[in-house]
Amino acid sequence: MKKKFLALLTGLSLLWSSVPFPVCADHHEIISSQYDNIFWTLENHVLTISGEGEIHSQKNALPDWLAYSDEIEEIIIEEGITSAQYRAFAELPNLESITFPATFEQLGTEALFNDRDLEEINGLEYVHYFDFRCLSNTEYTEKHPFIINDDILYYAEGTDLTVPDGVKVIAPFAFGNLTAYETTSKKAFTEIPYYDIVLPEGLETIQRYAFAFSSRLCHVNIPESVQTIGDYAFFSCPNLETVTLSENCTEIGNFAFFNCRLLENFNAENSSMNMGFRSCGYNADWDTILKDRATQKGIDLTLPKYANLLHQIENADTETLVNYDELADWTQLHYKTTQSFREIAEGEYTDELSDSVQKSSEIIIHGYIGSTVKQYADDNRLKFISSDDILIGDVTLDGKLNIIDVLTMNEWSMGLVEFSERQVLASDFDQNGIFTDNDTMKLLRHLVGLT
């Protein structure tokens, strides 16, 4: 009987130790608990975490220290912890500092999201994987818009998106924060402006998912030094319009530019570039998937209160969403839709969703006759224009460069004349993938011998 009593007492003590409880010590409160294989204490507003392995966290099973979110001002993670997953430290309004140990490698999706007072991060050099929006809306990223270590850009956020010189690799999800809206509070959304991103010469690799789901990305220059672009690198960037790849680019991965709905010109100069499966020229039907996901979530889009939301969905437009409930519903649907796009790209979709994958009727592939790019266009029955006989700057298509080309460019920029697809390609004198007034000026300088 005595042994049974002791066993029962031991069991109760173990159960009690897994529940957070306050202990009075030296006139201040100590809160402690065990979360999976992780042990933590909260004392004097300092959350200390110890144990082995990753801090597990998911939507319906968040860490229990979040119940004390208003009390946490500093976080110290001790040796042995390797990662913090989904929203493990998100929405801590008073958090100012966090310290990572040498064993820490990964910040999961939205791990420190919306910790607006967070300004000090120690041990960040140990982290080598930054997942989607893991540091969004923090004071730290306002002051440090780029997180770079060993020539690798791991994270970027802000409005000045001119990447510093010296970066050779862009890591997964580095630019995964350029979404249509950011949360400024639990009851408000702020629209983020469209972005142009300037990448430095010397950049060599753009890794998988580097720019994925960047809905506000319109234009990005891809330097001549870039050699490889990974799988899904620009996956579902719906406002990206033009891509130009130099002869140094030897490979673009599977679905690299999948679902770039406004992509009209894809220019590739390397005749033997390896183009992955559905690397460009394919979209997913946004309307169909959104409506399907709305039905699955029990949202009846025929109800009057969803009239405006339905209008935006059908017009693929979020510009006029002003009501919080509409924005919240849109955000949920957008999240589900991006998940569906990923399933579609990775071949895990149902027969119903597979019907939503369509070839782009707008995209034009530019390359050389006999190239792998031409073969890709033929295999996928996409429009192709040969670059073999195009003289860059010769917008009159008369085979020579003169002042008439300059005047014609100027007329086109003012909307006085229309250009054919071949003329548009020839107008890009500086070969950065987009026509601007700089092309006209550079052609003029070339003609008068200044370049």
Protein backbone atom coordinates (compact mmCIF):
# COMPACT_ATOMS: atom_id res chain seq x y z
CA MET A 1 0.00 0.00 0.00
CA LYS A 2 2.83 2.36 0.89
CA LYS A 3 4.50 1.73 -2.50
CA LYS A 4 1.23 2.40 -4.34
CA PHE A 5 0.78 5.63 -2.40
CA LEU A 6 4.33 6.75 -3.24
CA ALA A 7 3.82 5.89 -6.93
CA LEU A 8 0.57 7.87 -6.97
CA LEU A 9 2.27 10.79 -5.26
CA THR A 10 5.13 10.70 -7.79
CA GLY A 11 2.67 10.65 -10.70
CA LEU A 12 0.76 13.61 -9.32
CA SER A 13 3.97 15.56 -8.81
CA LEU A 14 5.04 14.95 -12.42
CA LEU A 15 1.62 16.01 -13.68
CA TRP A 16 1.73 19.13 -11.50
CA SER A 17 5.21 20.03 -12.81
CA SER A 18 3.89 20.24 -16.39
CA VAL A 19 1.39 22.97 -15.47
CA PRO A 20 2.58 26.60 -15.23
CA PHE A 21 2.34 27.92 -11.67
CA PRO A 22 3.64 30.93 -9.76
CA VAL A 23 6.16 30.54 -6.98
CA CYS A 24 7.06 33.32 -4.61
CA ALA A 25 10.82 33.80 -4.36
CA ASP A 26 12.67 36.91 -3.24
CA HIS A 27 9.47 38.94 -3.59
CA HIS A 28 9.06 38.27 -7.30
CA GLU A 29 7.08 35.75 -9.30
CA ILE A 30 8.63 32.76 -11.05
CA ILE A 31 6.59 30.87 -13.62
CA SER A 32 7.92 27.56 -14.93
CA SER A 33 6.70 24.72 -17.11
CA GLN A 34 7.66 21.93 -19.47
CA TYR A 35 6.60 22.07 -23.12
CA ASP A 36 7.38 18.80 -24.95
CA ASN A 37 11.13 18.37 -24.36
CA ILE A 38 11.52 22.07 -23.68
CA PHE A 39 11.75 23.57 -20.20
CA TRP A 40 11.08 27.23 -19.54
CA THR A 41 10.88 29.75 -16.75
CA LEU A 42 9.62 33.32 -16.66
CA GLU A 43 11.25 35.45 -13.99
CA ASN A 44 11.56 39.23 -13.80
CA HIS A 45 10.08 39.46 -17.33
CA VAL A 46 12.85 37.20 -18.71
CA LEU A 47 11.77 34.00 -20.49
CA THR A 48 14.55 31.39 -20.32
CA ILE A 49 14.21 28.28 -22.48
CA SER A 50 16.33 25.13 -22.22
CA GLY A 51 16.24 21.58 -23.51
CA GLU A 52 17.09 19.69 -26.70
CA GLY A 53 15.86 19.95 -30.28
CA GLU A 54 13.27 22.23 -31.82
CA ILE A 55 10.49 24.21 -30.22
CA HIS A 56 7.42 22.60 -31.77
CA SER A 57 4.58 24.94 -32.57
CA GLN A 58 1.56 24.82 -34.83
CA LYS A 59 -1.70 26.66 -35.28
CA ASN A 60 -3.69 24.64 -32.73
CA ALA A 61 -0.82 23.88 -30.36
CA LEU A 62 1.15 27.03 -29.57
CA PRO A 63 3.68 27.17 -26.70
CA ASP A 64 2.11 27.80 -23.30
CA TRP A 65 4.39 30.74 -22.49
CA LEU A 66 2.30 32.80 -24.92
CA ALA A 67 -0.34 32.95 -22.18
CA TYR A 68 2.03 35.42 -20.50
CA SER A 69 2.71 37.47 -23.64
CA ASP A 70 2.38 40.84 -21.89
CA GLU A 71 4.98 39.85 -19.28
CA ILE A 72 7.82 38.85 -21.60
CA GLU A 73 10.44 41.53 -22.25
CA GLU A 74 13.51 39.37 -22.89
CA ILE A 75 14.05 35.82 -24.18
CA ILE A 76 17.17 33.74 -23.55
CA ILE A 77 17.41 30.45 -25.44
CA GLU A 78 20.06 28.12 -24.05
CA GLU A 79 22.40 25.65 -25.79
CA GLY A 80 20.67 22.57 -27.19
CA ILE A 81 17.66 24.30 -28.75
CA THR A 82 17.90 24.12 -32.57
CA SER A 83 14.85 25.96 -33.91
CA ALA A 84 11.60 27.76 -33.14
CA GLN A 85 8.64 26.92 -35.33
CA TYR A 86 5.33 28.57 -36.28
CA ARG A 87 4.62 31.75 -34.24
CA ALA A 88 6.58 30.44 -31.26
CA PHE A 89 7.27 34.01 -30.06
CA ALA A 90 4.78 36.01 -32.14
CA GLU A 91 2.70 38.95 -30.93
CA LEU A 92 4.75 39.71 -27.80
CA PRO A 93 4.01 43.44 -27.37
CA ASN A 94 6.79 44.14 -24.85
CA LEU A 95 9.58 41.91 -26.13
CA GLU A 96 12.77 43.94 -26.58
CA SER A 97 15.58 41.37 -26.76
CA ILE A 98 16.19 37.74 -27.73
CA THR A 99 19.38 35.65 -27.56
CA PHE A 100 20.04 32.56 -29.70
CA PRO A 101 22.66 29.92 -28.81
CA ALA A 102 25.25 28.46 -31.17
CA THR A 103 23.03 25.38 -31.63
CA PHE A 104 20.14 27.44 -33.01
CA GLU A 105 19.68 27.17 -36.80
CA GLN A 106 16.12 27.95 -37.90
CA LEU A 107 13.34 30.49 -37.36
CA GLY A 108 10.01 29.10 -38.52
CA THR A 109 7.07 30.84 -40.16
CA GLU A 110 6.15 34.07 -38.32
CA ALA A 111 8.27 32.96 -35.35
CA LEU A 112 8.78 36.56 -34.14
CA PHE A 113 6.02 38.17 -36.16
CA ASN A 114 4.67 41.53 -35.01
CA ASP A 115 7.00 41.86 -32.00
CA ARG A 116 7.15 45.57 -32.67
CA ASP A 117 9.45 46.53 -29.77
CA LEU A 118 12.04 43.86 -30.59
CA GLU A 119 15.25 45.78 -31.31
CA GLU A 120 18.06 43.53 -30.06
CA ILE A 121 18.83 40.07 -31.43
CA ASN A 122 21.95 38.30 -30.18
CA GLY A 123 23.38 35.21 -31.88
CA LEU A 124 21.61 35.87 -35.16
CA GLU A 125 24.75 34.76 -36.99
CA TYR A 126 23.97 31.17 -35.97
CA VAL A 127 20.61 31.16 -37.79
CA HIS A 128 20.82 29.80 -41.34
CA TYR A 129 17.15 29.41 -42.27
CA PHE A 130 14.59 32.18 -42.03
CA ASP A 131 11.09 31.06 -42.93
CA PHE A 132 8.20 33.14 -44.23
CA ARG A 133 7.66 36.45 -42.34
CA CYS A 134 9.62 35.18 -39.34
CA LEU A 135 10.80 38.70 -38.41
CA SER A 136 8.13 40.85 -40.02
CA ASN A 137 6.95 44.00 -38.26
CA THR A 138 9.76 44.28 -35.74
CA GLU A 139 11.89 47.27 -34.81
CA TYR A 140 14.97 45.19 -35.58
CA THR A 141 14.09 44.77 -39.26
CA GLU A 142 13.16 48.44 -39.52
CA LYS A 143 16.74 49.28 -38.55
CA HIS A 144 18.33 46.27 -40.30
CA PRO A 145 16.37 45.65 -43.53
CA PHE A 146 18.88 43.04 -44.71
CA ILE A 147 20.22 40.07 -42.75
CA ILE A 148 23.43 38.94 -44.45
CA ASN A 149 25.97 36.39 -43.28
CA ASP A 150 28.89 34.92 -45.26
CA ASP A 151 27.76 36.54 -48.55
CA ILE A 152 24.28 35.01 -48.17
CA LEU A 153 21.19 37.23 -47.94
CA TYR A 154 18.82 35.45 -45.57
CA TYR A 155 16.14 38.05 -44.99
CA ALA A 156 14.96 41.33 -46.49
CA GLU A 157 12.24 43.71 -45.40
CA GLY A 158 11.47 47.39 -45.85
CA THR A 159 10.99 49.93 -48.61
CA ASP A 160 14.60 50.41 -49.75
CA LEU A 161 15.23 47.14 -51.54
CA THR A 162 18.57 47.84 -53.16
CA VAL A 163 20.53 44.80 -52.06
CA PRO A 164 24.07 45.65 -50.87
CA ASP A 165 27.11 44.70 -52.93
CA GLY A 166 28.88 41.49 -51.98
CA VAL A 167 25.82 39.24 -51.75
CA LYS A 168 26.36 36.05 -53.76
CA VAL A 169 23.39 33.94 -52.68
CA ILE A 170 19.76 34.77 -51.91
CA ALA A 171 18.39 32.19 -49.48
CA PRO A 172 14.90 30.62 -49.42
CA PHE A 173 12.05 33.00 -48.48
CA ALA A 174 14.47 35.96 -48.21
CA PHE A 175 11.92 38.19 -49.94
CA GLY A 176 8.83 36.30 -48.79
CA ASN A 177 7.59 39.39 -46.96
CA LEU A 178 6.44 41.42 -49.96
CA THR A 179 2.79 40.49 -49.53
CA ALA A 180 -0.13 42.75 -50.34
CA TYR A 181 -0.91 43.84 -46.79
CA GLU A 182 0.82 43.97 -43.44
CA THR A 183 -1.01 43.93 -40.13
CA THR A 184 -0.59 47.14 -38.17
CA SER A 185 -2.91 45.98 -35.39
CA LYS A 186 -5.51 43.30 -34.87
CA LYS A 187 -8.09 45.59 -36.43
CA ALA A 188 -6.25 47.26 -39.29
CA PHE A 189 -4.30 46.51 -42.42
CA THR A 190 -1.85 48.77 -44.21
CA GLU A 191 -1.32 48.44 -47.94
CA ILE A 192 2.32 48.00 -48.96
CA PRO A 193 3.42 49.78 -52.16
CA TYR A 194 4.64 47.98 -55.25
CA TYR A 195 8.34 47.21 -55.23
CA ASP A 196 11.21 47.20 -57.66
CA ILE A 197 14.18 45.24 -56.35
CA VAL A 198 17.76 46.03 -57.34
CA LEU A 199 20.14 43.08 -57.09
CA PRO A 200 23.93 43.55 -57.16
CA GLU A 201 26.40 42.38 -59.77
CA GLY A 202 28.28 39.43 -58.33
CA LEU A 203 25.09 37.64 -57.25
CA GLU A 204 25.40 34.02 -58.37
CA THR A 205 22.49 31.99 -56.98
CA ILE A 206 18.82 32.64 -56.26
CA GLN A 207 17.65 29.71 -54.17
CA ARG A 208 14.25 28.02 -54.03
CA TYR A 209 11.30 30.12 -52.84
CA ALA A 210 13.56 33.21 -52.54
CA PHE A 211 10.85 35.54 -53.90
CA ALA A 212 7.86 33.19 -53.64
CA PHE A 213 4.43 34.78 -53.10
CA SER A 214 5.84 38.32 -53.40
CA SER A 215 2.56 39.82 -54.55
CA ARG A 216 3.91 43.40 -54.62
CA LEU A 217 6.96 42.64 -56.75
CA CYS A 218 6.70 44.28 -60.18
CA HIS A 219 10.23 44.32 -61.50
CA VAL A 220 13.52 42.77 -60.50
CA ASN A 221 16.77 43.06 -62.38
CA ILE A 222 18.58 39.75 -62.57
CA PRO A 223 22.31 40.55 -62.86
CA GLU A 224 24.46 39.00 -65.57
CA SER A 225 26.43 37.22 -62.86
CA VAL A 226 23.47 35.01 -61.84
CA GLN A 227 24.11 31.39 -62.81
CA THR A 228 21.26 29.41 -61.24
CA ILE A 229 17.68 30.12 -60.18
CA GLY A 230 16.17 27.48 -57.91
CA ASP A 231 12.83 25.68 -57.88
CA TYR A 232 9.87 27.98 -57.13
CA ALA A 233 12.25 30.98 -56.84
CA PHE A 234 9.65 33.47 -58.17
CA PHE A 235 6.67 31.20 -57.62
CA SER A 236 3.35 33.07 -57.69
CA CYS A 237 4.61 36.65 -58.08
CA PRO A 238 1.41 37.83 -59.79
CA ASN A 239 2.61 41.34 -60.69
CA LEU A 240 6.02 40.47 -62.13
CA GLU A 241 6.01 41.65 -65.75
CA THR A 242 9.43 41.05 -67.35
CA VAL A 243 12.34 38.67 -66.82
CA THR A 244 15.72 38.87 -68.57
CA LEU A 245 18.41 36.23 -68.04
CA SER A 246 21.95 36.64 -69.36
CA GLU A 247 24.08 34.05 -71.12
CA ASN A 248 25.70 33.23 -67.76
CA CYS A 249 22.46 31.78 -66.39
CA THR A 250 22.69 28.04 -66.99
CA GLU A 251 19.69 26.74 -65.06
CA ILE A 252 16.26 27.73 -63.83
CA GLY A 253 14.43 25.25 -61.63
CA ASN A 254 11.03 23.63 -61.73
CA PHE A 255 8.14 26.13 -61.44
CA ALA A 256 10.64 28.98 -61.00
CA PHE A 257 8.22 31.52 -62.54
CA PHE A 258 5.00 29.54 -62.20
CA ASN A 259 1.84 31.62 -61.72
CA CYS A 260 3.43 34.96 -62.58
CA ARG A 261 0.16 36.07 -64.10
CA LEU A 262 1.34 39.34 -65.67
CA LEU A 263 4.64 38.00 -67.00
CA GLU A 264 4.66 38.94 -70.69
CA ASN A 265 8.31 38.80 -71.73
CA PHE A 266 10.77 36.09 -70.78
CA ASN A 267 14.18 36.81 -72.30
CA ALA A 268 16.95 34.20 -72.19
CA GLU A 269 20.35 34.62 -73.83
CA ASN A 270 21.92 31.26 -72.95
CA SER A 271 21.33 28.80 -75.80
CA SER A 272 21.86 25.72 -73.62
CA MET A 273 20.15 26.84 -70.41
CA ASN A 274 18.42 24.02 -68.54
CA MET A 275 14.77 25.00 -68.07
CA GLY A 276 12.91 23.08 -65.38
CA PHE A 277 9.40 21.65 -65.57
CA ARG A 278 6.82 24.41 -66.05
CA SER A 279 9.49 26.95 -65.18
CA CYS A 280 7.49 29.70 -66.88
CA GLY A 281 4.39 30.20 -68.99
CA TYR A 282 1.88 28.53 -66.68
CA ASN A 283 -0.67 30.00 -64.29
CA ALA A 284 -3.21 28.68 -61.84
CA ASP A 285 -6.77 29.93 -62.15
CA TRP A 286 -7.00 32.22 -59.11
CA ASP A 287 -10.78 32.59 -59.29
CA THR A 288 -11.50 28.87 -59.37
CA ILE A 289 -9.21 27.99 -56.48
CA LEU A 290 -10.32 30.91 -54.31
CA LYS A 291 -13.98 30.03 -54.72
CA ASP A 292 -13.22 26.38 -54.05
CA ARG A 293 -11.34 27.26 -50.87
CA ALA A 294 -14.13 29.62 -49.78
CA THR A 295 -16.61 26.76 -50.10
CA GLN A 296 -14.35 24.47 -48.07
CA LYS A 297 -14.14 27.11 -45.32
CA GLY A 298 -17.92 27.50 -45.25
CA ILE A 299 -17.84 31.03 -46.67
CA ASP A 300 -20.90 31.58 -48.84
CA LEU A 301 -19.72 34.15 -51.37
CA THR A 302 -23.29 34.64 -52.62
CA LEU A 303 -24.30 36.38 -49.37
CA PRO A 304 -24.69 40.18 -49.65
CA LYS A 305 -21.97 40.83 -47.05
CA TYR A 306 -19.44 39.16 -49.35
CA ALA A 307 -20.51 41.02 -52.49
CA ASN A 308 -17.45 43.29 -52.49
CA LEU A 309 -15.10 40.42 -51.68
CA LEU A 310 -16.55 38.35 -54.53
CA HIS A 311 -16.09 41.29 -56.89
CA GLN A 312 -12.42 41.56 -55.93
CA ILE A 313 -11.89 37.82 -56.35
CA GLU A 314 -13.46 37.80 -59.80
CA ASN A 315 -11.33 40.77 -60.81
CA ALA A 316 -8.16 39.50 -59.09
CA ASP A 317 -7.98 42.84 -57.30
CA THR A 318 -7.37 43.68 -53.64
CA GLU A 319 -6.94 47.42 -54.11
CA THR A 320 -10.38 48.47 -52.84
CA LEU A 321 -10.73 46.10 -49.91
CA VAL A 322 -11.28 48.54 -47.05
CA ASN A 323 -13.47 46.71 -44.56
CA TYR A 324 -11.60 44.73 -41.91
CA ASP A 325 -13.87 41.69 -42.19
CA GLU A 326 -13.38 41.64 -45.95
CA LEU A 327 -9.62 41.91 -45.51
CA ALA A 328 -9.59 39.17 -42.90
CA ASP A 329 -11.58 36.85 -45.16
CA TRP A 330 -9.35 37.76 -48.10
CA THR A 331 -6.23 37.02 -46.06
CA GLN A 332 -7.54 33.60 -45.04
CA LEU A 333 -8.53 32.77 -48.59
CA HIS A 334 -5.21 34.06 -49.94
CA TYR A 335 -3.32 31.83 -47.50
CA LYS A 336 -5.34 28.79 -48.53
CA THR A 337 -4.89 29.67 -52.18
CA THR A 338 -1.11 29.95 -51.95
CA GLN A 339 -1.13 26.54 -50.27
CA SER A 340 -3.14 25.24 -53.23
CA PHE A 341 -0.70 26.79 -55.71
CA ARG A 342 2.12 24.97 -53.96
CA GLU A 343 0.18 21.70 -54.09
CA ILE A 344 -0.50 22.25 -57.78
CA ALA A 345 3.14 22.97 -58.54
CA GLU A 346 4.35 19.93 -56.62
CA GLY A 347 1.83 17.65 -58.31
CA GLU A 348 -0.16 16.91 -55.17
CA TYR A 349 -3.40 18.46 -56.35
CA THR A 350 -6.73 16.77 -57.00
CA ASP A 351 -8.16 16.26 -60.48
CA GLU A 352 -10.51 19.16 -59.83
CA LEU A 353 -7.67 21.55 -59.03
CA SER A 354 -5.51 20.27 -61.88
CA ASP A 355 -8.03 21.78 -64.29
CA SER A 356 -7.12 25.21 -62.93
CA VAL A 357 -3.57 25.03 -64.37
CA GLN A 358 -3.50 26.96 -67.62
CA LYS A 359 -0.90 28.02 -70.15
CA SER A 360 -0.34 31.74 -70.32
CA SER A 361 -1.76 33.33 -73.45
CA GLU A 362 0.26 36.50 -72.88
CA ILE A 363 3.83 35.37 -72.30
CA ILE A 364 6.40 35.58 -75.08
CA ILE A 365 9.62 33.57 -74.84
CA HIS A 366 12.62 35.35 -76.36
CA GLY A 367 15.70 33.33 -77.28
CA TYR A 368 17.81 31.93 -80.09
CA ILE A 369 16.89 29.44 -82.79
CA GLY A 370 18.17 25.98 -81.89
CA SER A 371 18.40 26.81 -78.17
CA THR A 372 16.94 24.88 -75.25
CA VAL A 373 14.74 27.92 -74.66
CA LYS A 374 13.25 27.55 -78.14
CA GLN A 375 12.75 23.84 -77.46
CA TYR A 376 10.94 24.65 -74.20
CA ALA A 377 8.64 27.08 -76.02
CA ASP A 378 7.91 24.48 -78.71
CA ASP A 379 7.32 21.66 -76.23
CA ASN A 380 4.89 23.79 -74.24
CA ARG A 381 3.35 25.52 -77.28
CA LEU A 382 4.23 28.99 -76.04
CA LYS A 383 4.85 32.05 -78.18
CA PHE A 384 8.47 32.48 -79.24
CA ILE A 385 10.39 35.34 -80.86
CA SER A 386 13.90 34.80 -82.13
CA SER A 387 16.60 37.14 -80.84
CA ASP A 388 19.00 36.15 -83.64
CA ASP A 389 18.27 38.99 -86.02
CA ILE A 390 17.22 41.76 -83.63
CA LEU A 391 19.54 44.77 -83.48
CA ILE A 392 19.08 46.25 -80.01
CA GLY A 393 18.07 49.90 -80.35
CA ASP A 394 16.80 49.47 -83.92
CA VAL A 395 13.15 50.19 -83.17
CA THR A 396 12.49 51.14 -86.80
CA LEU A 397 13.64 47.62 -87.78
CA ASP A 398 15.63 48.93 -90.74
CA GLY A 399 18.84 47.14 -89.74
CA LYS A 400 20.76 50.22 -88.57
CA LEU A 401 20.97 52.62 -85.65
CA ASN A 402 20.41 56.33 -86.19
CA ILE A 403 18.67 59.39 -84.78
CA ILE A 404 15.34 58.21 -86.21
CA ASP A 405 15.40 55.33 -83.70
CA VAL A 406 15.88 57.84 -80.88
CA LEU A 407 12.96 59.96 -82.07
CA THR A 408 10.76 56.89 -82.53
CA MET A 409 11.57 55.69 -79.00
CA ASN A 410 10.63 59.11 -77.68
CA GLU A 411 7.32 59.07 -79.54
CA TRP A 412 6.54 55.62 -78.18
CA SER A 413 7.33 56.66 -74.60
CA MET A 414 4.80 59.51 -75.00
CA GLY A 415 2.16 57.14 -76.37
CA LEU A 416 2.15 58.69 -79.84
CA VAL A 417 2.92 55.43 -81.66
CA GLU A 418 2.46 51.73 -80.99
CA PHE A 419 5.26 49.15 -81.06
CA SER A 420 5.17 45.55 -82.21
CA GLU A 421 6.53 42.82 -79.96
CA ARG A 422 9.83 42.88 -81.87
CA GLN A 423 10.10 46.67 -81.53
CA VAL A 424 9.50 46.43 -77.78
CA LEU A 425 12.36 43.94 -77.52
CA ALA A 426 14.64 46.20 -79.58
CA SER A 427 13.79 49.25 -77.44
CA ASP A 428 15.48 47.77 -74.36
CA PHE A 429 18.88 49.26 -75.22
CA ASP A 430 20.49 48.67 -71.82
CA GLN A 431 19.11 45.09 -71.72
CA ASN A 432 17.75 45.28 -68.19
CA GLY A 433 14.42 43.75 -69.14
CA ILE A 434 12.31 46.91 -69.22
CA PHE A 435 12.07 50.06 -71.36
CA THR A 436 12.61 53.44 -69.69
CA ASP A 437 13.72 56.89 -70.82
CA ASN A 438 17.25 55.75 -69.92
CA ASP A 439 17.20 53.49 -72.98
CA THR A 440 16.54 56.48 -75.23
CA MET A 441 19.31 58.52 -73.60
CA LYS A 442 21.81 55.65 -73.75
CA LEU A 443 21.08 55.09 -77.44
CA LEU A 444 21.59 58.81 -78.10
CA ARG A 445 24.88 58.81 -76.19
CA HIS A 446 25.97 55.76 -78.16
CA LEU A 447 25.20 57.47 -81.46
CA VAL A 448 27.20 60.61 -80.60
CA GLY A 449 30.14 58.55 -79.40
CA LEU A 450 29.86 59.17 -75.66
CA THR A 451 29.70 55.45 -74.82
